[in-house]
Amino acid sequence: MLPGPKQVEDAYLGTDGLLTGDPKSLHPAYIIDSSTCDPGTSRKLALAATNVQLHPDAMSGSLRATPAVIDAPVSGGVPGAQNATLTFMVRQELCKKADCIQDNYNQAVDE
């Protein structure tokens, strides 16, 4: 989670960004953005991801050749993070595709 659009763009689209580095090294099938960003930044990220090829190891079980960008705002702040009670806001069909949201971040998911 990053605090805002500038940090997100630097992390993903900057000189050494995740989406601007060597495409042979890109492993994540999903890029989950849980920062506080405007919709334009999320769209810019999603568009940039369509120009990146996944590493073959990341494609097992996936029909995608590019990473999927999921905009998943979070609520709960520092206390939520400390108590593992953050709430991620994600469309249900995306959440089912990216089980990593539940498996790696939350203890429980309301469906």
C-alpha atoms as a PDB file:
ATOM      1  CA  MET A   1       0.000   0.000   0.000  1.00  0.00           C
ATOM      2  CA  LEU A   2       1.313   3.353  -1.011  1.00  0.00           C
ATOM      3  CA  PRO A   3       0.124   6.736   0.234  1.00  0.00           C
ATOM      4  CA  GLY A   4      -0.750   8.406  -3.050  1.00  0.00           C
ATOM      5  CA  PRO A   5      -0.615   8.674  -6.847  1.00  0.00           C
ATOM      6  CA  LYS A   6       2.990   9.917  -7.091  1.00  0.00           C
ATOM      7  CA  GLN A   7       4.334   6.978  -5.082  1.00  0.00           C
ATOM      8  CA  VAL A   8       2.205   4.523  -7.077  1.00  0.00           C
ATOM      9  CA  GLU A   9       3.413   5.905 -10.393  1.00  0.00           C
ATOM     10  CA  ASP A  10       7.029   5.847  -9.200  1.00  0.00           C
ATOM     11  CA  ALA A  11       6.741   2.259  -7.946  1.00  0.00           C
ATOM     12  CA  TYR A  12       5.089   0.910 -11.085  1.00  0.00           C
ATOM     13  CA  LEU A  13       6.039   3.295 -13.897  1.00  0.00           C
ATOM     14  CA  GLY A  14       9.250   4.970 -12.683  1.00  0.00           C
ATOM     15  CA  THR A  15      12.745   4.301 -13.963  1.00  0.00           C
ATOM     16  CA  ASP A  16      13.063   1.088 -11.953  1.00  0.00           C
ATOM     17  CA  GLY A  17       9.315   0.484 -11.714  1.00  0.00           C
ATOM     18  CA  LEU A  18       7.639  -2.896 -11.652  1.00  0.00           C
ATOM     19  CA  LEU A  19       6.099  -2.347 -15.090  1.00  0.00           C
ATOM     20  CA  THR A  20       9.122  -0.694 -16.710  1.00  0.00           C
ATOM     21  CA  GLY A  21      11.804  -3.229 -15.803  1.00  0.00           C
ATOM     22  CA  ASP A  22      12.844  -6.379 -17.604  1.00  0.00           C
ATOM     23  CA  PRO A  23       9.631  -8.141 -18.699  1.00  0.00           C
ATOM     24  CA  LYS A  24      11.326 -11.523 -18.368  1.00  0.00           C
ATOM     25  CA  SER A  25      11.440 -10.975 -14.619  1.00  0.00           C
ATOM     26  CA  LEU A  26       7.805  -9.975 -14.043  1.00  0.00           C
ATOM     27  CA  HIS A  27       6.147 -12.746 -12.056  1.00  0.00           C
ATOM     28  CA  PRO A  28       2.925 -11.399 -10.499  1.00  0.00           C
ATOM     29  CA  ALA A  29      -0.224 -12.449 -12.334  1.00  0.00           C
ATOM     30  CA  TYR A  30      -2.117  -9.825 -10.332  1.00  0.00           C
ATOM     31  CA  ILE A  31      -1.118  -6.328  -9.330  1.00  0.00           C
ATOM     32  CA  ILE A  32      -3.327  -5.247  -6.450  1.00  0.00           C
ATOM     33  CA  ASP A  33      -3.317  -1.503  -5.850  1.00  0.00           C
ATOM     34  CA  SER A  34      -4.578  -0.686  -2.367  1.00  0.00           C
ATOM     35  CA  SER A  35      -3.278   2.846  -2.253  1.00  0.00           C
ATOM     36  CA  THR A  36      -5.219   6.073  -2.002  1.00  0.00           C
ATOM     37  CA  CYS A  37      -5.347   6.988  -5.678  1.00  0.00           C
ATOM     38  CA  ASP A  38      -7.558   8.734  -8.135  1.00  0.00           C
ATOM     39  CA  PRO A  39      -9.270   6.691 -10.876  1.00  0.00           C
ATOM     40  CA  GLY A  40      -6.965   8.175 -13.535  1.00  0.00           C
ATOM     41  CA  THR A  41      -3.880   6.714 -11.870  1.00  0.00           C
ATOM     42  CA  SER A  42      -5.547   3.294 -11.649  1.00  0.00           C
ATOM     43  CA  ARG A  43      -6.449   3.442 -15.339  1.00  0.00           C
ATOM     44  CA  LYS A  44      -2.887   4.501 -16.251  1.00  0.00           C
ATOM     45  CA  LEU A  45      -1.539   1.521 -14.290  1.00  0.00           C
ATOM     46  CA  ALA A  46      -3.948  -0.909 -15.966  1.00  0.00           C
ATOM     47  CA  LEU A  47      -3.026   0.406 -19.414  1.00  0.00           C
ATOM     48  CA  ALA A  48       0.711   0.100 -18.703  1.00  0.00           C
ATOM     49  CA  ALA A  49       0.224  -3.493 -17.533  1.00  0.00           C
ATOM     50  CA  THR A  50      -1.264  -4.461 -20.912  1.00  0.00           C
ATOM     51  CA  ASN A  51       2.132  -3.746 -22.485  1.00  0.00           C
ATOM     52  CA  VAL A  52       4.038  -6.106 -20.186  1.00  0.00           C
ATOM     53  CA  GLN A  53       4.454  -9.840 -20.660  1.00  0.00           C
ATOM     54  CA  LEU A  54       4.383 -12.152 -17.669  1.00  0.00           C
ATOM     55  CA  HIS A  55       7.270 -14.469 -16.939  1.00  0.00           C
ATOM     56  CA  PRO A  56       6.266 -18.005 -18.066  1.00  0.00           C
ATOM     57  CA  ASP A  57       6.398 -19.252 -14.452  1.00  0.00           C
ATOM     58  CA  ALA A  58       3.640 -16.799 -13.507  1.00  0.00           C
ATOM     59  CA  MET A  59       1.283 -18.028 -16.211  1.00  0.00           C
ATOM     60  CA  SER A  60       0.596 -21.509 -14.850  1.00  0.00           C
ATOM     61  CA  GLY A  61      -3.155 -21.962 -14.671  1.00  0.00           C
ATOM     62  CA  SER A  62      -3.763 -18.541 -16.186  1.00  0.00           C
ATOM     63  CA  LEU A  63      -4.849 -17.688 -19.695  1.00  0.00           C
ATOM     64  CA  ARG A  64      -3.474 -14.165 -19.277  1.00  0.00           C
ATOM     65  CA  ALA A  65      -0.121 -13.184 -20.729  1.00  0.00           C
ATOM     66  CA  THR A  66      -0.171  -9.812 -18.953  1.00  0.00           C
ATOM     67  CA  PRO A  67      -0.733  -9.030 -15.265  1.00  0.00           C
ATOM     68  CA  ALA A  68      -4.255  -8.070 -14.202  1.00  0.00           C
ATOM     69  CA  VAL A  69      -4.465  -4.820 -12.268  1.00  0.00           C
ATOM     70  CA  ILE A  70      -7.010  -4.822  -9.458  1.00  0.00           C
ATOM     71  CA  ASP A  71      -8.000  -1.578  -7.794  1.00  0.00           C
ATOM     72  CA  ALA A  72      -8.682  -2.601  -4.187  1.00  0.00           C
ATOM     73  CA  PRO A  73      -9.021   0.396  -1.881  1.00  0.00           C
ATOM     74  CA  VAL A  74      -8.639  -0.414   1.781  1.00  0.00           C
ATOM     75  CA  SER A  75     -10.289   0.922   4.903  1.00  0.00           C
ATOM     76  CA  GLY A  76      -9.145   0.602   8.497  1.00  0.00           C
ATOM     77  CA  GLY A  77      -5.937   2.582   8.679  1.00  0.00           C
ATOM     78  CA  VAL A  78      -3.051   1.719  10.977  1.00  0.00           C
ATOM     79  CA  PRO A  79      -5.296   0.143  13.675  1.00  0.00           C
ATOM     80  CA  GLY A  80      -6.865  -2.104  11.040  1.00  0.00           C
ATOM     81  CA  ALA A  81      -3.446  -3.190   9.821  1.00  0.00           C
ATOM     82  CA  GLN A  82      -2.205  -3.855  13.337  1.00  0.00           C
ATOM     83  CA  ASN A  83      -5.304  -5.884  14.228  1.00  0.00           C
ATOM     84  CA  ALA A  84      -5.666  -7.673  10.855  1.00  0.00           C
ATOM     85  CA  THR A  85      -9.101  -6.120  10.382  1.00  0.00           C
ATOM     86  CA  LEU A  86      -8.563  -4.125   7.188  1.00  0.00           C
ATOM     87  CA  THR A  87     -11.468  -4.048   4.768  1.00  0.00           C
ATOM     88  CA  PHE A  88     -10.618  -4.388   1.078  1.00  0.00           C
ATOM     89  CA  MET A  89     -13.191  -3.103  -1.397  1.00  0.00           C
ATOM     90  CA  VAL A  90     -13.051  -5.322  -4.459  1.00  0.00           C
ATOM     91  CA  ARG A  91     -15.687  -6.451  -6.938  1.00  0.00           C
ATOM     92  CA  GLN A  92     -16.697  -9.991  -6.007  1.00  0.00           C
ATOM     93  CA  GLU A  93     -15.738 -11.586  -9.336  1.00  0.00           C
ATOM     94  CA  LEU A  94     -12.245 -10.085  -9.115  1.00  0.00           C
ATOM     95  CA  CYS A  95     -11.848 -11.231  -5.539  1.00  0.00           C
ATOM     96  CA  LYS A  96     -12.636 -14.805  -6.541  1.00  0.00           C
ATOM     97  CA  LYS A  97     -10.049 -14.657  -9.335  1.00  0.00           C
ATOM     98  CA  ALA A  98      -7.393 -13.210  -7.023  1.00  0.00           C
ATOM     99  CA  ASP A  99      -7.622 -15.458  -3.989  1.00  0.00           C
ATOM    100  CA  CYS A 100      -4.413 -13.839  -2.824  1.00  0.00           C
ATOM    101  CA  ILE A 101      -6.424 -10.957  -1.372  1.00  0.00           C
ATOM    102  CA  GLN A 102      -8.062 -13.295   1.088  1.00  0.00           C
ATOM    103  CA  ASP A 103      -5.159 -15.678   1.510  1.00  0.00           C
ATOM    104  CA  ASN A 104      -2.436 -13.085   2.047  1.00  0.00           C
ATOM    105  CA  TYR A 105      -4.120 -10.067   3.565  1.00  0.00           C
ATOM    106  CA  ASN A 106      -7.296 -10.833   5.447  1.00  0.00           C
ATOM    107  CA  GLN A 107      -8.297 -13.308   8.076  1.00  0.00           C
ATOM    108  CA  ALA A 108     -11.902 -13.196   6.896  1.00  0.00           C
ATOM    109  CA  VAL A 109     -13.780 -12.085   3.798  1.00  0.00           C
ATOM    110  CA  ASP A 110     -17.453 -11.193   3.776  1.00  0.00           C
ATOM    111  CA  GLU A 111     -19.199 -12.386   0.609  1.00  0.00           C
END
